[in-house]
Amino acid sequence: MQKKDIALLEISKIIVHDVPRHKKDDTSPQIDYSNKESNLTPELKLFFKDKLTEIISKKSFRVRFNSSITSPVPAIITELNSSSPRIDFVEPSKKIAKHLYDIQKGTNPAGIIVIIEGKINAKNILAILKVERDEGAKIEKNSGQNYLDIVTVHDLLLTKKTKLFKASIFFNRIDYELDYEGYVADNQRQISSMKEVADFFLSDFLGCEYYDDTRIMTKNFFEFTQTYITKVEDPIKKAKYYEHLLSYTNKPDNSLSFLEFSMEYLEMGDRQIYEDHMRLNKFPEDNFRKDTELIQSHIKKMMIDFENDISIISKNGDIGNKVKLSSIDNGYTKAEIISKIKKVYS
């Protein structure tokens, strides 16, 4: 099961619950539950399949259930994904929404919980989406049949009154022959927000943990990419790629991906060689959460050594336009620095 397979998702059911913002000790705002699944058209199925595919494909992480966490969600997901024929998911979906309500702390925004049942390659999946909305954005309810209409969620997602979104998709690991349960994605990209995201949405709500040791993954990505760069023959390109590696690793984003690095920073003719190098080292193509703890000493500076025993050191790893490198005769490289001398010392 790879991320690209999510594009094969066939949605069968969707249900929506509206979880209000409330303080932990104030339970007067109540959940607006749906008592039946939404009516679906082919267009709505396609819209939500595309939305789920988009966010999972771009910025998601592999996760597994954490048995030490007291969330009821993993057991509900397991039951819904393993039952054959599938049990009715209305009441279990309400329990998922109720758990989200119970763990809110007052700072969490109002959210629409969208739960999707479907199949990929004839195997069960369950997706849980949390769409954060402005307080003024209302979701319509079909009063006759007592359910929140997914059409309203569709319309909200097309306006600026929602923030899209936290998303997760889960599989039956036996059916898919996996040793992890699914993928989780969040549109909060800043590293400073990651602990809160992990504690609340991933851990407290979904009862999950990251599948990969993020420190080791980050270290391996950096070192495998370094190894590729050392084999680049053009010294100027080599210096440029190393600077790009530092820039990419230091960017204010919570995830890394060698495919993203290849596409954004490498020249067209070098991409396939680099990607094959990473695959040869059995490095996964999935995004992974960045944790630079083990490479801190390597990502804060950049040094270029010349054969004449001269070195150029950038203390913040950014050479950019501060040093101009150019090729001259006999394989030599010319380095030009235009700046004021700050200090001379030994």
Protein backbone atom coordinates (compact mmCIF):
# COMPACT_ATOMS: atom_id res chain seq x y z
CA MET A 1 0.00 0.00 0.00
CA GLN A 2 1.54 3.27 -1.13
CA LYS A 3 0.23 6.83 -0.96
CA LYS A 4 -0.46 6.84 -4.68
CA ASP A 5 -2.95 3.99 -4.15
CA ILE A 6 -5.23 6.37 -2.23
CA ALA A 7 -6.23 7.79 -5.61
CA LEU A 8 -8.00 4.43 -6.14
CA LEU A 9 -10.28 5.06 -3.15
CA GLU A 10 -13.94 4.17 -3.68
CA ILE A 11 -16.08 6.00 -1.10
CA SER A 12 -19.23 4.21 0.03
CA LYS A 13 -20.41 6.22 3.06
CA ILE A 14 -19.82 9.59 4.72
CA ILE A 15 -21.20 10.90 7.99
CA VAL A 16 -20.73 14.35 9.54
CA HIS A 17 -20.78 15.54 13.16
CA ASP A 18 -20.32 19.14 14.33
CA VAL A 19 -18.14 19.45 17.46
CA PRO A 20 -18.41 22.92 19.08
CA ARG A 21 -15.68 24.83 20.81
CA HIS A 22 -16.03 24.70 24.56
CA LYS A 23 -14.03 25.03 27.73
CA LYS A 24 -13.12 21.81 29.48
CA ASP A 25 -15.41 22.53 32.43
CA ASP A 26 -18.28 23.89 30.30
CA THR A 27 -20.35 21.22 28.57
CA SER A 28 -23.31 23.45 27.65
CA PRO A 29 -22.34 23.62 23.95
CA GLN A 30 -23.42 20.24 22.67
CA ILE A 31 -22.30 18.11 19.73
CA ASP A 32 -24.61 18.27 16.74
CA TYR A 33 -24.76 14.62 15.74
CA SER A 34 -25.98 13.10 12.51
CA ASN A 35 -28.29 10.15 13.01
CA LYS A 36 -27.74 8.83 9.51
CA GLU A 37 -25.11 8.95 6.81
CA SER A 38 -25.13 11.71 4.20
CA ASN A 39 -26.70 11.32 0.81
CA LEU A 40 -23.91 11.04 -1.73
CA THR A 41 -23.72 11.87 -5.39
CA PRO A 42 -20.89 10.73 -7.69
CA GLU A 43 -19.66 14.34 -7.73
CA LEU A 44 -19.45 14.51 -3.93
CA LYS A 45 -17.62 11.18 -3.75
CA LEU A 46 -15.08 12.43 -6.27
CA PHE A 47 -14.65 15.77 -4.46
CA PHE A 48 -13.85 14.18 -1.10
CA LYS A 49 -11.69 11.48 -2.63
CA ASP A 50 -9.63 14.19 -4.35
CA LYS A 51 -9.36 16.27 -1.16
CA LEU A 52 -8.25 13.29 0.91
CA THR A 53 -5.80 12.15 -1.77
CA GLU A 54 -4.32 15.64 -2.04
CA ILE A 55 -3.50 16.15 1.62
CA ILE A 56 -2.40 12.58 2.34
CA SER A 57 -0.15 12.52 -0.72
CA LYS A 58 1.57 15.80 0.11
CA LYS A 59 2.11 15.98 3.85
CA SER A 60 1.30 12.81 5.74
CA PHE A 61 3.21 10.51 8.06
CA ARG A 62 2.95 6.79 8.68
CA VAL A 63 1.41 6.02 12.08
CA ARG A 64 0.60 3.07 14.28
CA PHE A 65 -1.76 2.63 17.22
CA ASN A 66 -0.28 3.27 20.64
CA SER A 67 -1.74 0.86 23.19
CA SER A 68 -0.58 3.01 26.11
CA ILE A 69 -2.99 5.82 25.14
CA THR A 70 -6.57 5.67 26.45
CA SER A 71 -8.27 6.84 23.24
CA PRO A 72 -11.20 4.63 22.12
CA VAL A 73 -10.60 5.51 18.47
CA PRO A 74 -8.13 2.69 17.56
CA ALA A 75 -10.58 0.00 18.74
CA ILE A 76 -13.41 1.63 16.78
CA ILE A 77 -11.29 1.86 13.62
CA THR A 78 -10.18 -1.76 13.98
CA GLU A 79 -13.75 -2.98 14.41
CA LEU A 80 -15.06 -1.01 11.43
CA ASN A 81 -12.21 -2.08 9.16
CA SER A 82 -12.18 -5.75 10.11
CA SER A 83 -15.91 -6.51 10.08
CA SER A 84 -17.31 -8.37 7.08
CA PRO A 85 -19.91 -7.44 6.14
CA ARG A 86 -19.17 -4.02 7.61
CA ILE A 87 -21.20 -3.06 10.63
CA ASP A 88 -23.25 0.14 10.62
CA PHE A 89 -20.90 3.02 11.38
CA VAL A 90 -23.36 5.67 12.64
CA GLU A 91 -23.07 4.90 16.37
CA PRO A 92 -19.30 4.20 16.27
CA SER A 93 -18.79 7.51 14.45
CA LYS A 94 -20.68 9.30 17.23
CA LYS A 95 -18.26 7.79 19.78
CA ILE A 96 -15.34 9.21 17.79
CA ALA A 97 -16.92 12.69 17.79
CA LYS A 98 -17.73 12.40 21.52
CA HIS A 99 -14.11 11.53 22.31
CA LEU A 100 -12.93 14.64 20.45
CA TYR A 101 -15.42 16.74 22.42
CA ASP A 102 -14.32 15.23 25.74
CA ILE A 103 -10.61 15.99 25.26
CA GLN A 104 -11.01 19.58 24.07
CA LYS A 105 -9.35 22.14 26.32
CA GLY A 106 -11.01 25.40 25.29
CA THR A 107 -8.25 26.45 22.93
CA ASN A 108 -9.28 23.99 20.22
CA PRO A 109 -11.40 25.54 17.46
CA ALA A 110 -14.83 24.29 16.51
CA GLY A 111 -14.55 21.43 14.10
CA ILE A 112 -16.55 19.35 11.70
CA ILE A 113 -15.75 15.66 11.92
CA VAL A 114 -16.14 13.85 8.62
CA ILE A 115 -15.87 10.06 8.72
CA ILE A 116 -15.54 8.19 5.47
CA GLU A 117 -15.97 4.50 4.76
CA GLY A 118 -14.64 3.03 1.56
CA LYS A 119 -12.36 0.55 -0.15
CA ILE A 120 -9.04 0.56 -1.96
CA ASN A 121 -8.50 -2.46 -4.17
CA ALA A 122 -11.57 -4.08 -2.58
CA LYS A 123 -10.07 -3.75 0.94
CA ASN A 124 -11.64 -1.71 3.75
CA ILE A 125 -10.43 1.74 4.78
CA LEU A 126 -11.72 4.32 7.24
CA ALA A 127 -10.82 8.01 6.99
CA ILE A 128 -11.30 10.64 9.69
CA LEU A 129 -11.15 14.32 8.71
CA LYS A 130 -11.32 17.30 11.03
CA VAL A 131 -12.27 20.50 9.24
CA GLU A 132 -11.68 23.59 11.36
CA ARG A 133 -14.09 26.42 10.65
CA ASP A 134 -14.68 30.02 11.63
CA GLU A 135 -17.19 30.51 14.39
CA GLY A 136 -19.49 32.32 11.95
CA ALA A 137 -19.55 29.47 9.46
CA LYS A 138 -22.72 27.44 9.87
CA ILE A 139 -23.39 23.89 8.77
CA GLU A 140 -26.92 23.11 7.69
CA LYS A 141 -28.90 20.21 9.13
CA ASN A 142 -31.61 18.23 7.42
CA SER A 143 -34.20 18.54 10.18
CA GLY A 144 -36.54 15.98 8.67
CA GLN A 145 -34.02 13.15 8.64
CA ASN A 146 -31.77 14.61 11.37
CA TYR A 147 -28.38 14.61 9.70
CA LEU A 148 -25.74 17.17 8.78
CA ASP A 149 -25.49 17.45 5.04
CA ILE A 150 -22.10 16.76 3.48
CA VAL A 151 -23.05 19.25 0.75
CA THR A 152 -22.66 22.03 3.32
CA VAL A 153 -19.16 20.79 4.19
CA HIS A 154 -18.35 20.74 0.47
CA ASP A 155 -19.53 24.34 0.16
CA LEU A 156 -17.57 25.44 3.25
CA LEU A 157 -14.39 23.93 1.84
CA LEU A 158 -14.80 26.11 -1.22
CA THR A 159 -14.92 29.29 0.90
CA LYS A 160 -12.40 31.03 3.16
CA LYS A 161 -14.45 30.17 6.23
CA THR A 162 -12.67 26.86 6.80
CA LYS A 163 -9.12 25.70 7.29
CA LEU A 164 -8.36 22.43 5.59
CA PHE A 165 -7.53 20.35 7.53
CA LYS A 166 -6.42 17.43 9.64
CA ALA A 167 -6.86 14.13 7.88
CA SER A 168 -6.17 10.48 8.51
CA ILE A 169 -6.73 7.23 6.67
CA PHE A 170 -6.54 3.80 8.27
CA PHE A 171 -6.32 0.27 6.91
CA ASN A 172 -6.62 -3.23 8.26
CA ARG A 173 -2.93 -4.12 8.51
CA ILE A 174 -3.64 -7.83 7.90
CA ASP A 175 -5.56 -7.15 4.66
CA TYR A 176 -2.89 -4.80 3.37
CA GLU A 177 0.06 -6.77 4.81
CA LEU A 178 1.43 -3.69 6.60
CA ASP A 179 3.13 -3.21 9.95
CA TYR A 180 1.58 0.22 10.47
CA GLU A 181 -2.06 1.35 10.60
CA GLY A 182 -2.27 4.32 8.24
CA TYR A 183 -1.35 7.90 7.46
CA VAL A 184 -2.04 11.16 9.29
CA ALA A 185 -1.65 14.64 7.83
CA ASP A 186 -1.99 18.13 9.25
CA ASN A 187 -1.90 21.48 7.49
CA GLN A 188 -0.13 23.10 10.46
CA ARG A 189 3.38 23.13 9.01
CA GLN A 190 5.46 25.07 11.49
CA ILE A 191 7.80 23.04 13.65
CA SER A 192 6.80 25.01 16.74
CA SER A 193 3.28 23.62 16.43
CA MET A 194 4.28 19.99 16.04
CA LYS A 195 4.31 18.97 19.70
CA GLU A 196 0.80 20.32 20.20
CA VAL A 197 -0.40 18.62 17.03
CA ALA A 198 1.20 15.34 18.08
CA ASP A 199 -0.19 15.51 21.62
CA PHE A 200 -3.73 16.48 20.67
CA PHE A 201 -4.78 15.24 17.23
CA LEU A 202 -2.39 12.36 16.69
CA SER A 203 -2.04 11.10 20.25
CA ASP A 204 -4.94 12.23 22.46
CA PHE A 205 -7.60 11.99 19.75
CA LEU A 206 -6.51 9.24 17.35
CA GLY A 207 -4.51 7.23 19.88
CA CYS A 208 -1.56 6.94 17.52
CA GLU A 209 2.17 7.53 17.40
CA TYR A 210 4.60 8.08 14.55
CA TYR A 211 5.67 4.80 12.99
CA ASP A 212 9.24 5.87 12.24
CA ASP A 213 11.97 7.03 14.62
CA THR A 214 12.01 10.57 13.29
CA ARG A 215 15.52 11.33 14.57
CA ILE A 216 17.02 8.35 12.73
CA MET A 217 14.98 9.06 9.60
CA THR A 218 16.22 12.67 9.49
CA LYS A 219 19.82 11.61 10.08
CA ASN A 220 19.67 8.93 7.36
CA PHE A 221 18.07 11.30 4.87
CA PHE A 222 20.80 13.86 5.49
CA GLU A 223 23.67 11.37 5.32
CA PHE A 224 22.39 9.44 2.28
CA THR A 225 21.88 12.72 0.43
CA GLN A 226 25.34 13.88 1.49
CA THR A 227 26.81 10.68 0.04
CA TYR A 228 25.08 11.32 -3.28
CA ILE A 229 26.35 14.92 -3.36
CA THR A 230 29.96 13.87 -2.77
CA LYS A 231 29.77 11.86 -6.00
CA VAL A 232 28.71 14.85 -8.11
CA GLU A 233 31.68 15.63 -10.33
CA ASP A 234 31.08 19.33 -11.00
CA PRO A 235 32.55 21.11 -7.91
CA ILE A 236 30.32 24.17 -8.30
CA LYS A 237 27.19 22.05 -8.61
CA LYS A 238 28.39 20.00 -5.64
CA ALA A 239 28.67 23.13 -3.50
CA LYS A 240 25.25 24.33 -4.68
CA TYR A 241 23.58 21.00 -3.88
CA TYR A 242 25.15 20.88 -0.42
CA GLU A 243 23.88 24.38 0.30
CA HIS A 244 20.44 23.28 -0.93
CA LEU A 245 20.55 20.31 1.44
CA LEU A 246 21.23 22.60 4.40
CA SER A 247 18.54 25.00 3.27
CA TYR A 248 15.97 22.22 2.84
CA THR A 249 16.78 20.59 6.17
CA ASN A 250 16.61 23.93 8.02
CA LYS A 251 13.39 25.18 6.43
CA PRO A 252 10.44 25.90 8.77
CA ASP A 253 8.52 22.81 7.77
CA ASN A 254 7.72 19.77 9.86
CA SER A 255 8.30 17.19 7.15
CA LEU A 256 10.98 16.01 4.74
CA SER A 257 10.86 13.85 1.61
CA PHE A 258 13.68 12.88 -0.71
CA LEU A 259 11.26 13.09 -3.67
CA GLU A 260 10.39 16.67 -2.69
CA PHE A 261 14.07 17.56 -2.32
CA SER A 262 14.82 16.05 -5.71
CA MET A 263 12.01 17.92 -7.45
CA GLU A 264 12.64 21.30 -5.84
CA TYR A 265 16.45 21.46 -5.67
CA LEU A 266 18.12 19.16 -8.18
CA GLU A 267 18.62 19.68 -11.88
CA MET A 268 16.44 17.56 -14.13
CA GLY A 269 19.28 15.33 -15.30
CA ASP A 270 20.33 14.48 -11.73
CA ARG A 271 16.95 13.62 -10.22
CA GLN A 272 16.63 9.99 -11.30
CA ILE A 273 20.20 9.15 -10.23
CA TYR A 274 19.60 10.65 -6.78
CA GLU A 275 16.20 8.97 -6.35
CA ASP A 276 17.64 5.60 -7.37
CA HIS A 277 20.45 6.16 -4.85
CA MET A 278 17.91 6.73 -2.05
CA ARG A 279 15.86 3.70 -3.05
CA LEU A 280 19.00 1.57 -3.19
CA ASN A 281 19.54 2.56 0.44
CA LYS A 282 15.95 1.40 1.14
CA PHE A 283 14.88 4.89 2.17
CA PRO A 284 11.04 5.21 2.11
CA GLU A 285 9.37 7.54 -0.34
CA ASP A 286 6.82 8.72 2.23
CA ASN A 287 7.10 12.07 3.97
CA PHE A 288 8.50 11.78 7.48
CA ARG A 289 8.46 14.15 10.42
CA LYS A 290 11.66 16.13 10.77
CA ASP A 291 13.72 15.89 13.95
CA THR A 292 17.25 17.31 13.60
CA GLU A 293 18.49 16.38 17.08
CA LEU A 294 21.17 14.00 15.77
CA ILE A 295 22.49 16.31 13.03
CA GLN A 296 22.49 19.70 14.74
CA SER A 297 26.26 20.06 14.45
CA HIS A 298 26.10 19.43 10.69
CA ILE A 299 23.31 21.74 9.58
CA LYS A 300 24.45 25.03 11.09
CA LYS A 301 27.53 25.67 8.97
CA MET A 302 29.00 24.94 5.57
CA MET A 303 32.69 24.67 4.71
CA ILE A 304 34.45 24.56 1.34
CA ASP A 305 38.06 23.35 1.41
CA PHE A 306 40.43 24.17 -1.46
CA GLU A 307 43.56 22.21 -2.39
CA ASN A 308 45.75 25.25 -1.61
CA ASP A 309 44.75 24.91 2.07
CA ILE A 310 42.27 27.79 1.96
CA SER A 311 38.82 27.20 3.41
CA ILE A 312 35.58 29.17 3.22
CA ILE A 313 33.23 28.73 6.16
CA SER A 314 29.66 29.97 6.40
CA LYS A 315 28.57 29.92 10.04
CA ASN A 316 24.87 29.70 9.21
CA GLY A 317 25.22 27.33 6.26
CA ASP A 318 24.10 29.95 3.78
CA ILE A 319 26.62 30.95 1.12
CA GLY A 320 24.12 32.15 -1.46
CA ASN A 321 25.33 35.27 -3.23
CA LYS A 322 28.01 35.95 -0.64
CA VAL A 323 30.54 33.79 -2.47
CA LYS A 324 30.67 33.60 -6.24
CA LEU A 325 32.07 30.31 -7.57
CA SER A 326 33.07 29.91 -11.20
CA SER A 327 35.05 27.40 -13.27
CA ILE A 328 38.36 28.34 -14.88
CA ASP A 329 41.01 26.43 -16.83
CA ASN A 330 42.55 23.09 -15.78
CA GLY A 331 39.69 22.13 -13.43
CA TYR A 332 40.29 25.06 -11.09
CA THR A 333 37.51 26.91 -9.32
CA LYS A 334 37.55 30.64 -8.72
CA ALA A 335 35.96 31.93 -5.52
CA GLU A 336 35.14 35.62 -5.13
CA ILE A 337 34.14 37.23 -1.85
CA ILE A 338 33.09 40.87 -1.78
CA SER A 339 32.64 42.05 1.78
CA LYS A 340 34.31 44.04 4.55
CA ILE A 341 36.85 42.17 6.67
CA LYS A 342 35.31 41.77 10.10
CA LYS A 343 38.22 40.21 11.97
CA VAL A 344 41.62 38.60 11.41
CA TYR A 345 42.75 36.09 14.03
CA SER A 346 44.49 32.74 14.59
